[in-house]
Amino acid sequence: MSDGIHRGSSVYQRERDKALQRDDWVCQSCGRAVGHVGDRDVPVAHVHHDTELSDGGVHHVDNLTTLCPECHSDIHGSEVGERGFDEQPYRDEEWLREMYHGEELTQAEIADRAGCHRRTIATWFRRHEIKGRPADQRKKVSNSGPWDDEEVLRELYIEKKQTLSEIADQLGTSEGTVQRRMDDFGIERRDHVEYMRQGPVFLRFDTNGYLRAESAVDGEKDMVYIHQLVAIADGANPRTVFGGEQVHHQNHHRADNRPENLVVLSHEDHLAEHDFHR
């Protein structure tokens, strides 16, 4: 059994780890121990989809079986593992092109064949300069999940204004999958700064170096300075703070909004304090 398990962010990686743990890092066909890429004492672990993704299979531990490279090759009728290249067949450009263009596998299916993560295959696609298929020619996994529904993505992203991370968490997939599907559907992503400005609260420094919070809700804009809020949270009277008196930074560093650096002064005393330090 191998020590330690790589934790990826995708559903597949999590379910793959579960399968390896369940099977105790032992090939379920021949009983050989398997391990990580680079382990010299045992062959690299492969995790096989009992029902292929192209046939409606899903990334779930109940659909995954731990195998050694030889047994995995026997199932697929071709070499999928230890054929040189340090047990990493995707280093072989010819092999990778054959899997993608010849057998028309997806990158996820190739990763399954090679016993690695999809991101690894994507990296070697770039290194070998293998161009992906156009969106309208890509294979669609029939029951892969709600992230393949354009209307769902548009509703969550455009109408509900959720972030990619929030959508991924809600749909039970990775942020990268959501991003790729949005690109496939031509869903234009928001400009980050503009999105933040349109959100409920946007923090920024004004031209004088004071940090303030701005809000824009239903077209109504408002703002308040952070040092004012800190002073109020530390016990200052809001009516005093917003009624004409000034919150002064004692060390004259306008971004230092620690409570101990703030003091409430009258307008005259505040002017005198700044005149003294000129």
C-alpha atoms as a PDB file:
ATOM      1  CA  MET A   1       0.000   0.000   0.000  1.00  0.00           C
ATOM      2  CA  SER A   2       1.308   3.457  -0.845  1.00  0.00           C
ATOM      3  CA  ASP A   3       1.883   6.135   1.784  1.00  0.00           C
ATOM      4  CA  GLY A   4       0.115   9.427   1.223  1.00  0.00           C
ATOM      5  CA  ILE A   5      -2.465  10.284  -1.388  1.00  0.00           C
ATOM      6  CA  HIS A   6      -2.364  13.201  -3.760  1.00  0.00           C
ATOM      7  CA  ARG A   7      -5.396  15.408  -3.188  1.00  0.00           C
ATOM      8  CA  GLY A   8      -6.614  17.133  -6.322  1.00  0.00           C
ATOM      9  CA  SER A   9      -9.453  19.619  -6.510  1.00  0.00           C
ATOM     10  CA  SER A  10     -11.603  17.741  -9.014  1.00  0.00           C
ATOM     11  CA  VAL A  11     -14.386  15.288  -8.345  1.00  0.00           C
ATOM     12  CA  TYR A  12     -12.439  12.615 -10.236  1.00  0.00           C
ATOM     13  CA  GLN A  13      -9.341  13.051  -8.111  1.00  0.00           C
ATOM     14  CA  ARG A  14     -11.330  12.781  -4.872  1.00  0.00           C
ATOM     15  CA  GLU A  15     -13.195   9.682  -6.034  1.00  0.00           C
ATOM     16  CA  ARG A  16      -9.955   8.167  -7.380  1.00  0.00           C
ATOM     17  CA  ASP A  17      -8.346   8.570  -3.958  1.00  0.00           C
ATOM     18  CA  LYS A  18     -11.323   6.851  -2.340  1.00  0.00           C
ATOM     19  CA  ALA A  19     -11.005   3.896  -4.721  1.00  0.00           C
ATOM     20  CA  LEU A  20      -7.291   3.521  -4.016  1.00  0.00           C
ATOM     21  CA  GLN A  21      -7.918   3.579  -0.277  1.00  0.00           C
ATOM     22  CA  ARG A  22     -10.798   1.126  -0.542  1.00  0.00           C
ATOM     23  CA  ASP A  23      -8.716  -1.278  -2.641  1.00  0.00           C
ATOM     24  CA  ASP A  24      -5.690  -0.856  -0.346  1.00  0.00           C
ATOM     25  CA  TRP A  25      -3.494   0.087  -3.347  1.00  0.00           C
ATOM     26  CA  VAL A  26      -3.760  -3.460  -4.731  1.00  0.00           C
ATOM     27  CA  CYS A  27      -4.698  -4.427  -8.304  1.00  0.00           C
ATOM     28  CA  GLN A  28      -8.171  -5.921  -8.114  1.00  0.00           C
ATOM     29  CA  SER A  29      -7.450  -8.216 -11.049  1.00  0.00           C
ATOM     30  CA  CYS A  30      -4.086  -9.849 -10.283  1.00  0.00           C
ATOM     31  CA  GLY A  31      -3.488  -8.838  -6.657  1.00  0.00           C
ATOM     32  CA  ARG A  32      -0.215  -6.942  -7.235  1.00  0.00           C
ATOM     33  CA  ALA A  33       0.630  -3.986  -5.029  1.00  0.00           C
ATOM     34  CA  VAL A  34       0.671  -0.644  -6.887  1.00  0.00           C
ATOM     35  CA  GLY A  35       1.896   2.827  -6.009  1.00  0.00           C
ATOM     36  CA  HIS A  36       2.597   6.376  -7.143  1.00  0.00           C
ATOM     37  CA  VAL A  37       4.409   7.398 -10.315  1.00  0.00           C
ATOM     38  CA  GLY A  38       8.100   7.256  -9.445  1.00  0.00           C
ATOM     39  CA  ASP A  39       7.805   4.410  -6.903  1.00  0.00           C
ATOM     40  CA  ARG A  40      10.514   1.978  -7.982  1.00  0.00           C
ATOM     41  CA  ASP A  41       9.367  -1.078  -6.042  1.00  0.00           C
ATOM     42  CA  VAL A  42       5.840  -1.352  -7.434  1.00  0.00           C
ATOM     43  CA  PRO A  43       4.078  -0.476 -10.728  1.00  0.00           C
ATOM     44  CA  VAL A  44       2.126   2.754 -10.930  1.00  0.00           C
ATOM     45  CA  ALA A  45      -1.503   2.575  -9.804  1.00  0.00           C
ATOM     46  CA  HIS A  46      -4.189   2.882 -12.465  1.00  0.00           C
ATOM     47  CA  VAL A  47      -7.817   3.568 -11.643  1.00  0.00           C
ATOM     48  CA  HIS A  48     -10.212   2.199 -14.235  1.00  0.00           C
ATOM     49  CA  HIS A  49     -13.756   3.390 -14.973  1.00  0.00           C
ATOM     50  CA  ASP A  50     -15.849   0.216 -15.021  1.00  0.00           C
ATOM     51  CA  THR A  51     -18.312   2.047 -17.244  1.00  0.00           C
ATOM     52  CA  GLU A  52     -16.402   4.407 -19.553  1.00  0.00           C
ATOM     53  CA  LEU A  53     -17.261   8.110 -19.456  1.00  0.00           C
ATOM     54  CA  SER A  54     -18.217   7.945 -23.135  1.00  0.00           C
ATOM     55  CA  ASP A  55     -20.748   5.213 -22.278  1.00  0.00           C
ATOM     56  CA  GLY A  56     -22.403   7.219 -19.529  1.00  0.00           C
ATOM     57  CA  GLY A  57     -20.042   6.373 -16.683  1.00  0.00           C
ATOM     58  CA  VAL A  58     -19.394   8.860 -13.914  1.00  0.00           C
ATOM     59  CA  HIS A  59     -16.540   9.870 -11.619  1.00  0.00           C
ATOM     60  CA  HIS A  60     -17.707   7.937  -8.550  1.00  0.00           C
ATOM     61  CA  VAL A  61     -15.893   5.473  -6.324  1.00  0.00           C
ATOM     62  CA  ASP A  62     -18.477   2.775  -7.095  1.00  0.00           C
ATOM     63  CA  ASN A  63     -17.533   3.045 -10.798  1.00  0.00           C
ATOM     64  CA  LEU A  64     -13.764   2.932 -10.180  1.00  0.00           C
ATOM     65  CA  THR A  65     -11.431  -0.051  -9.775  1.00  0.00           C
ATOM     66  CA  THR A  66      -7.723  -0.084  -8.903  1.00  0.00           C
ATOM     67  CA  LEU A  67      -5.589  -1.944 -11.471  1.00  0.00           C
ATOM     68  CA  CYS A  68      -1.937  -2.400 -12.389  1.00  0.00           C
ATOM     69  CA  PRO A  69      -0.834  -1.171 -15.857  1.00  0.00           C
ATOM     70  CA  GLU A  70      -0.794  -4.689 -17.358  1.00  0.00           C
ATOM     71  CA  CYS A  71      -4.325  -5.555 -16.237  1.00  0.00           C
ATOM     72  CA  HIS A  72      -5.529  -2.130 -17.348  1.00  0.00           C
ATOM     73  CA  SER A  73      -3.977  -2.747 -20.758  1.00  0.00           C
ATOM     74  CA  ASP A  74      -5.700  -6.149 -20.987  1.00  0.00           C
ATOM     75  CA  ILE A  75      -9.079  -4.472 -20.492  1.00  0.00           C
ATOM     76  CA  HIS A  76      -8.541  -1.793 -23.136  1.00  0.00           C
ATOM     77  CA  GLY A  77      -6.692  -4.017 -25.578  1.00  0.00           C
ATOM     78  CA  SER A  78      -3.744  -1.625 -25.854  1.00  0.00           C
ATOM     79  CA  GLU A  79      -0.848  -0.447 -23.750  1.00  0.00           C
ATOM     80  CA  VAL A  80      -1.893   2.244 -21.329  1.00  0.00           C
ATOM     81  CA  GLY A  81       0.941   2.284 -18.854  1.00  0.00           C
ATOM     82  CA  GLU A  82       4.463   0.977 -18.601  1.00  0.00           C
ATOM     83  CA  ARG A  83       5.799   1.366 -22.097  1.00  0.00           C
ATOM     84  CA  GLY A  84       8.887   3.384 -21.260  1.00  0.00           C
ATOM     85  CA  PHE A  85       8.921   7.147 -20.689  1.00  0.00           C
ATOM     86  CA  ASP A  86       9.306   6.567 -16.928  1.00  0.00           C
ATOM     87  CA  GLU A  87       5.838   4.974 -16.732  1.00  0.00           C
ATOM     88  CA  GLN A  88       4.354   8.123 -18.255  1.00  0.00           C
ATOM     89  CA  PRO A  89       3.041   7.324 -21.758  1.00  0.00           C
ATOM     90  CA  TYR A  90       1.719  10.843 -22.296  1.00  0.00           C
ATOM     91  CA  ARG A  91       5.334  11.939 -22.820  1.00  0.00           C
ATOM     92  CA  ASP A  92       5.104  10.082 -26.138  1.00  0.00           C
ATOM     93  CA  GLU A  93       3.578  12.556 -28.597  1.00  0.00           C
ATOM     94  CA  GLU A  94       2.590   9.805 -31.028  1.00  0.00           C
ATOM     95  CA  TRP A  95       0.753   7.886 -28.291  1.00  0.00           C
ATOM     96  CA  LEU A  96      -1.035  10.992 -27.077  1.00  0.00           C
ATOM     97  CA  ARG A  97      -2.162  11.963 -30.591  1.00  0.00           C
ATOM     98  CA  GLU A  98      -3.371   8.409 -31.230  1.00  0.00           C
ATOM     99  CA  MET A  99      -5.466   8.473 -28.059  1.00  0.00           C
ATOM    100  CA  TYR A 100      -6.951  11.885 -28.872  1.00  0.00           C
ATOM    101  CA  HIS A 101      -7.351  11.855 -32.652  1.00  0.00           C
ATOM    102  CA  GLY A 102      -7.239   8.116 -33.352  1.00  0.00           C
ATOM    103  CA  GLU A 103      -9.464   6.738 -30.604  1.00  0.00           C
ATOM    104  CA  GLU A 104     -11.156  10.125 -30.098  1.00  0.00           C
ATOM    105  CA  LEU A 105     -10.858   9.968 -26.324  1.00  0.00           C
ATOM    106  CA  THR A 106     -11.357  13.027 -24.154  1.00  0.00           C
ATOM    107  CA  GLN A 107      -8.510  14.353 -22.030  1.00  0.00           C
ATOM    108  CA  ALA A 108     -10.248  12.885 -18.954  1.00  0.00           C
ATOM    109  CA  GLU A 109     -10.442   9.464 -20.608  1.00  0.00           C
ATOM    110  CA  ILE A 110      -6.776   9.660 -21.639  1.00  0.00           C
ATOM    111  CA  ALA A 111      -5.876  10.540 -18.038  1.00  0.00           C
ATOM    112  CA  ASP A 112      -7.792   7.457 -16.923  1.00  0.00           C
ATOM    113  CA  ARG A 113      -5.877   5.301 -19.407  1.00  0.00           C
ATOM    114  CA  ALA A 114      -2.525   6.759 -18.287  1.00  0.00           C
ATOM    115  CA  GLY A 115      -3.326   6.636 -14.576  1.00  0.00           C
ATOM    116  CA  CYS A 116      -2.801  10.336 -13.989  1.00  0.00           C
ATOM    117  CA  HIS A 117      -4.720  13.581 -13.445  1.00  0.00           C
ATOM    118  CA  ARG A 118      -6.422  15.378 -16.330  1.00  0.00           C
ATOM    119  CA  ARG A 119      -4.279  18.468 -15.706  1.00  0.00           C
ATOM    120  CA  THR A 120      -1.192  16.349 -16.478  1.00  0.00           C
ATOM    121  CA  ILE A 121      -2.623  15.429 -19.873  1.00  0.00           C
ATOM    122  CA  ALA A 122      -3.519  19.078 -20.548  1.00  0.00           C
ATOM    123  CA  THR A 123       0.068  20.066 -19.737  1.00  0.00           C
ATOM    124  CA  TRP A 124       1.491  17.549 -22.211  1.00  0.00           C
ATOM    125  CA  PHE A 125      -1.037  18.623 -24.847  1.00  0.00           C
ATOM    126  CA  ARG A 126       0.524  22.080 -24.633  1.00  0.00           C
ATOM    127  CA  ARG A 127       4.082  20.721 -24.697  1.00  0.00           C
ATOM    128  CA  HIS A 128       3.355  18.585 -27.762  1.00  0.00           C
ATOM    129  CA  GLU A 129       1.347  21.475 -29.286  1.00  0.00           C
ATOM    130  CA  ILE A 130      -1.696  19.248 -29.742  1.00  0.00           C
ATOM    131  CA  LYS A 131      -4.657  21.473 -30.489  1.00  0.00           C
ATOM    132  CA  GLY A 132      -7.979  20.629 -28.898  1.00  0.00           C
ATOM    133  CA  ARG A 133     -11.064  19.810 -30.904  1.00  0.00           C
ATOM    134  CA  PRO A 134     -13.489  22.668 -31.630  1.00  0.00           C
ATOM    135  CA  ALA A 135     -16.246  22.985 -29.023  1.00  0.00           C
ATOM    136  CA  ASP A 136     -18.920  21.676 -31.410  1.00  0.00           C
ATOM    137  CA  GLN A 137     -16.861  18.511 -32.026  1.00  0.00           C
ATOM    138  CA  ARG A 138     -16.083  17.688 -28.418  1.00  0.00           C
ATOM    139  CA  LYS A 139     -17.602  14.599 -26.890  1.00  0.00           C
ATOM    140  CA  LYS A 140     -20.265  15.311 -24.339  1.00  0.00           C
ATOM    141  CA  VAL A 141     -20.666  12.999 -21.375  1.00  0.00           C
ATOM    142  CA  SER A 142     -24.381  12.443 -21.185  1.00  0.00           C
ATOM    143  CA  ASN A 143     -24.734  12.391 -17.422  1.00  0.00           C
ATOM    144  CA  SER A 144     -21.550  14.103 -16.311  1.00  0.00           C
ATOM    145  CA  GLY A 145     -23.400  16.733 -14.317  1.00  0.00           C
ATOM    146  CA  PRO A 146     -25.365  19.996 -14.239  1.00  0.00           C
ATOM    147  CA  TRP A 147     -22.230  21.961 -15.199  1.00  0.00           C
ATOM    148  CA  ASP A 148     -22.869  20.748 -18.770  1.00  0.00           C
ATOM    149  CA  ASP A 149     -26.189  22.628 -18.851  1.00  0.00           C
ATOM    150  CA  GLU A 150     -25.698  26.057 -20.434  1.00  0.00           C
ATOM    151  CA  GLU A 151     -28.912  27.449 -18.941  1.00  0.00           C
ATOM    152  CA  VAL A 152     -27.832  26.450 -15.428  1.00  0.00           C
ATOM    153  CA  LEU A 153     -24.450  28.134 -15.824  1.00  0.00           C
ATOM    154  CA  ARG A 154     -25.978  31.301 -17.271  1.00  0.00           C
ATOM    155  CA  GLU A 155     -28.516  31.512 -14.462  1.00  0.00           C
ATOM    156  CA  LEU A 156     -25.931  31.071 -11.699  1.00  0.00           C
ATOM    157  CA  TYR A 157     -23.265  33.293 -13.231  1.00  0.00           C
ATOM    158  CA  ILE A 158     -25.214  36.031 -14.989  1.00  0.00           C
ATOM    159  CA  GLU A 159     -28.523  36.242 -13.136  1.00  0.00           C
ATOM    160  CA  LYS A 160     -27.407  35.265  -9.627  1.00  0.00           C
ATOM    161  CA  LYS A 161     -23.908  36.749 -10.110  1.00  0.00           C
ATOM    162  CA  GLN A 162     -22.168  33.837  -8.387  1.00  0.00           C
ATOM    163  CA  THR A 163     -18.410  33.404  -8.695  1.00  0.00           C
ATOM    164  CA  LEU A 164     -16.841  30.419 -10.471  1.00  0.00           C
ATOM    165  CA  SER A 165     -15.847  29.014  -7.085  1.00  0.00           C
ATOM    166  CA  GLU A 166     -19.386  29.333  -5.725  1.00  0.00           C
ATOM    167  CA  ILE A 167     -20.831  27.662  -8.825  1.00  0.00           C
ATOM    168  CA  ALA A 168     -18.325  24.808  -8.580  1.00  0.00           C
ATOM    169  CA  ASP A 169     -19.180  24.222  -4.912  1.00  0.00           C
ATOM    170  CA  GLN A 170     -22.910  24.269  -5.615  1.00  0.00           C
ATOM    171  CA  LEU A 171     -22.670  21.880  -8.578  1.00  0.00           C
ATOM    172  CA  GLY A 172     -20.129  19.538  -7.011  1.00  0.00           C
ATOM    173  CA  THR A 173     -17.304  19.949  -9.498  1.00  0.00           C
ATOM    174  CA  SER A 174     -14.057  21.879  -9.904  1.00  0.00           C
ATOM    175  CA  GLU A 175     -13.673  25.559 -10.727  1.00  0.00           C
ATOM    176  CA  GLY A 176     -11.669  24.582 -13.816  1.00  0.00           C
ATOM    177  CA  THR A 177     -14.557  22.479 -15.140  1.00  0.00           C
ATOM    178  CA  VAL A 178     -16.968  25.379 -14.720  1.00  0.00           C
ATOM    179  CA  GLN A 179     -14.544  27.717 -16.501  1.00  0.00           C
ATOM    180  CA  ARG A 180     -14.078  25.321 -19.424  1.00  0.00           C
ATOM    181  CA  ARG A 181     -17.828  24.782 -19.851  1.00  0.00           C
ATOM    182  CA  MET A 182     -18.431  28.533 -19.805  1.00  0.00           C
ATOM    183  CA  ASP A 183     -15.814  28.946 -22.511  1.00  0.00           C
ATOM    184  CA  ASP A 184     -17.470  26.168 -24.529  1.00  0.00           C
ATOM    185  CA  PHE A 185     -20.836  27.906 -24.281  1.00  0.00           C
ATOM    186  CA  GLY A 186     -19.374  31.337 -25.032  1.00  0.00           C
ATOM    187  CA  ILE A 187     -20.383  32.769 -21.645  1.00  0.00           C
ATOM    188  CA  GLU A 188     -18.336  35.932 -21.302  1.00  0.00           C
ATOM    189  CA  ARG A 189     -16.734  36.350 -17.893  1.00  0.00           C
ATOM    190  CA  ARG A 190     -16.995  39.516 -15.864  1.00  0.00           C
ATOM    191  CA  ASP A 191     -14.183  41.990 -15.495  1.00  0.00           C
ATOM    192  CA  HIS A 192     -13.050  41.417 -11.905  1.00  0.00           C
ATOM    193  CA  VAL A 193     -12.640  45.064 -10.920  1.00  0.00           C
ATOM    194  CA  GLU A 194     -15.914  46.103 -12.523  1.00  0.00           C
ATOM    195  CA  TYR A 195     -17.686  43.190 -10.828  1.00  0.00           C
ATOM    196  CA  MET A 196     -16.331  44.259  -7.444  1.00  0.00           C
ATOM    197  CA  ARG A 197     -17.434  47.832  -8.069  1.00  0.00           C
ATOM    198  CA  GLN A 198     -20.957  46.638  -8.830  1.00  0.00           C
ATOM    199  CA  GLY A 199     -21.098  44.437  -5.746  1.00  0.00           C
ATOM    200  CA  PRO A 200     -22.662  45.371  -2.388  1.00  0.00           C
ATOM    201  CA  VAL A 201     -19.361  46.660  -0.974  1.00  0.00           C
ATOM    202  CA  PHE A 202     -16.151  47.789  -2.680  1.00  0.00           C
ATOM    203  CA  LEU A 203     -13.036  48.803  -0.718  1.00  0.00           C
ATOM    204  CA  ARG A 204     -10.663  51.369  -2.177  1.00  0.00           C
ATOM    205  CA  PHE A 205      -8.224  54.107  -1.170  1.00  0.00           C
ATOM    206  CA  ASP A 206      -9.249  57.650  -2.022  1.00  0.00           C
ATOM    207  CA  THR A 207      -6.871  60.199  -3.548  1.00  0.00           C
ATOM    208  CA  ASN A 208      -5.734  61.293  -0.048  1.00  0.00           C
ATOM    209  CA  GLY A 209      -4.757  57.764   0.980  1.00  0.00           C
ATOM    210  CA  TYR A 210      -7.729  56.971   3.248  1.00  0.00           C
ATOM    211  CA  LEU A 211      -9.361  53.542   2.943  1.00  0.00           C
ATOM    212  CA  ARG A 212     -13.091  53.693   2.417  1.00  0.00           C
ATOM    213  CA  ALA A 213     -15.976  51.324   1.726  1.00  0.00           C
ATOM    214  CA  GLU A 214     -18.271  52.148  -1.160  1.00  0.00           C
ATOM    215  CA  SER A 215     -21.632  50.529  -1.813  1.00  0.00           C
ATOM    216  CA  ALA A 216     -23.767  50.413  -4.928  1.00  0.00           C
ATOM    217  CA  VAL A 217     -27.145  48.748  -4.404  1.00  0.00           C
ATOM    218  CA  ASP A 218     -29.978  49.200  -6.901  1.00  0.00           C
ATOM    219  CA  GLY A 219     -28.191  52.182  -8.383  1.00  0.00           C
ATOM    220  CA  GLU A 220     -27.861  53.967  -5.013  1.00  0.00           C
ATOM    221  CA  LYS A 221     -24.263  54.765  -4.075  1.00  0.00           C
ATOM    222  CA  ASP A 222     -22.863  55.518  -0.628  1.00  0.00           C
ATOM    223  CA  MET A 223     -19.491  55.475   1.144  1.00  0.00           C
ATOM    224  CA  VAL A 224     -17.926  55.498   4.611  1.00  0.00           C
ATOM    225  CA  TYR A 225     -14.316  55.666   5.779  1.00  0.00           C
ATOM    226  CA  ILE A 226     -12.896  52.594   7.481  1.00  0.00           C
ATOM    227  CA  HIS A 227     -11.200  54.578  10.241  1.00  0.00           C
ATOM    228  CA  GLN A 228     -14.609  56.005  11.168  1.00  0.00           C
ATOM    229  CA  LEU A 229     -16.100  52.513  11.473  1.00  0.00           C
ATOM    230  CA  VAL A 230     -13.133  51.288  13.538  1.00  0.00           C
ATOM    231  CA  ALA A 231     -13.487  54.233  15.931  1.00  0.00           C
ATOM    232  CA  ILE A 232     -17.201  53.520  16.367  1.00  0.00           C
ATOM    233  CA  ALA A 233     -16.528  49.807  16.920  1.00  0.00           C
ATOM    234  CA  ASP A 234     -14.005  50.852  19.604  1.00  0.00           C
ATOM    235  CA  GLY A 235     -16.631  52.853  21.488  1.00  0.00           C
ATOM    236  CA  ALA A 236     -16.876  56.274  19.816  1.00  0.00           C
ATOM    237  CA  ASN A 237     -20.335  57.817  19.487  1.00  0.00           C
ATOM    238  CA  PRO A 238     -21.561  57.488  15.881  1.00  0.00           C
ATOM    239  CA  ARG A 239     -23.329  60.856  16.128  1.00  0.00           C
ATOM    240  CA  THR A 240     -20.051  62.459  17.117  1.00  0.00           C
ATOM    241  CA  VAL A 241     -18.064  60.722  14.393  1.00  0.00           C
ATOM    242  CA  PHE A 242     -20.565  61.585  11.667  1.00  0.00           C
ATOM    243  CA  GLY A 243     -21.665  64.864  13.230  1.00  0.00           C
ATOM    244  CA  GLY A 244     -18.671  67.088  12.585  1.00  0.00           C
ATOM    245  CA  GLU A 245     -15.817  65.699  14.671  1.00  0.00           C
ATOM    246  CA  GLN A 246     -12.824  64.009  13.038  1.00  0.00           C
ATOM    247  CA  VAL A 247     -11.168  60.624  13.528  1.00  0.00           C
ATOM    248  CA  HIS A 248      -7.448  61.341  13.634  1.00  0.00           C
ATOM    249  CA  HIS A 249      -4.535  58.971  12.880  1.00  0.00           C
ATOM    250  CA  GLN A 250      -2.101  59.693  15.700  1.00  0.00           C
ATOM    251  CA  ASN A 251       0.970  58.430  13.817  1.00  0.00           C
ATOM    252  CA  HIS A 252      -0.190  60.257  10.668  1.00  0.00           C
ATOM    253  CA  HIS A 253      -0.189  57.017   8.651  1.00  0.00           C
ATOM    254  CA  ARG A 254      -3.568  57.164   6.967  1.00  0.00           C
ATOM    255  CA  ALA A 255      -3.725  53.425   6.233  1.00  0.00           C
ATOM    256  CA  ASP A 256      -3.021  52.460   9.877  1.00  0.00           C
ATOM    257  CA  ASN A 257      -6.557  51.911  11.129  1.00  0.00           C
ATOM    258  CA  ARG A 258      -5.730  50.105  14.362  1.00  0.00           C
ATOM    259  CA  PRO A 259      -8.015  51.279  17.216  1.00  0.00           C
ATOM    260  CA  GLU A 260      -5.046  52.377  19.330  1.00  0.00           C
ATOM    261  CA  ASN A 261      -3.923  54.693  16.512  1.00  0.00           C
ATOM    262  CA  LEU A 262      -7.260  56.489  16.262  1.00  0.00           C
ATOM    263  CA  VAL A 263      -8.642  59.322  18.353  1.00  0.00           C
ATOM    264  CA  VAL A 264     -11.755  61.471  17.888  1.00  0.00           C
ATOM    265  CA  LEU A 265     -10.986  65.224  17.793  1.00  0.00           C
ATOM    266  CA  SER A 266     -12.991  68.352  17.209  1.00  0.00           C
ATOM    267  CA  HIS A 267     -12.597  69.941  13.807  1.00  0.00           C
ATOM    268  CA  GLU A 268     -10.440  72.722  15.285  1.00  0.00           C
ATOM    269  CA  ASP A 269      -8.196  70.355  17.251  1.00  0.00           C
ATOM    270  CA  HIS A 270      -7.804  68.169  14.164  1.00  0.00           C
ATOM    271  CA  LEU A 271      -6.665  71.147  12.079  1.00  0.00           C
ATOM    272  CA  ALA A 272      -4.278  72.228  14.813  1.00  0.00           C
ATOM    273  CA  GLU A 273      -2.800  68.718  15.028  1.00  0.00           C
ATOM    274  CA  HIS A 274      -2.080  68.673  11.317  1.00  0.00           C
ATOM    275  CA  ASP A 275      -0.769  72.276  11.327  1.00  0.00           C
ATOM    276  CA  PHE A 276       1.667  71.297  14.096  1.00  0.00           C
ATOM    277  CA  HIS A 277       3.129  68.464  11.957  1.00  0.00           C
ATOM    278  CA  ARG A 278       3.547  70.499   8.768  1.00  0.00           C
END
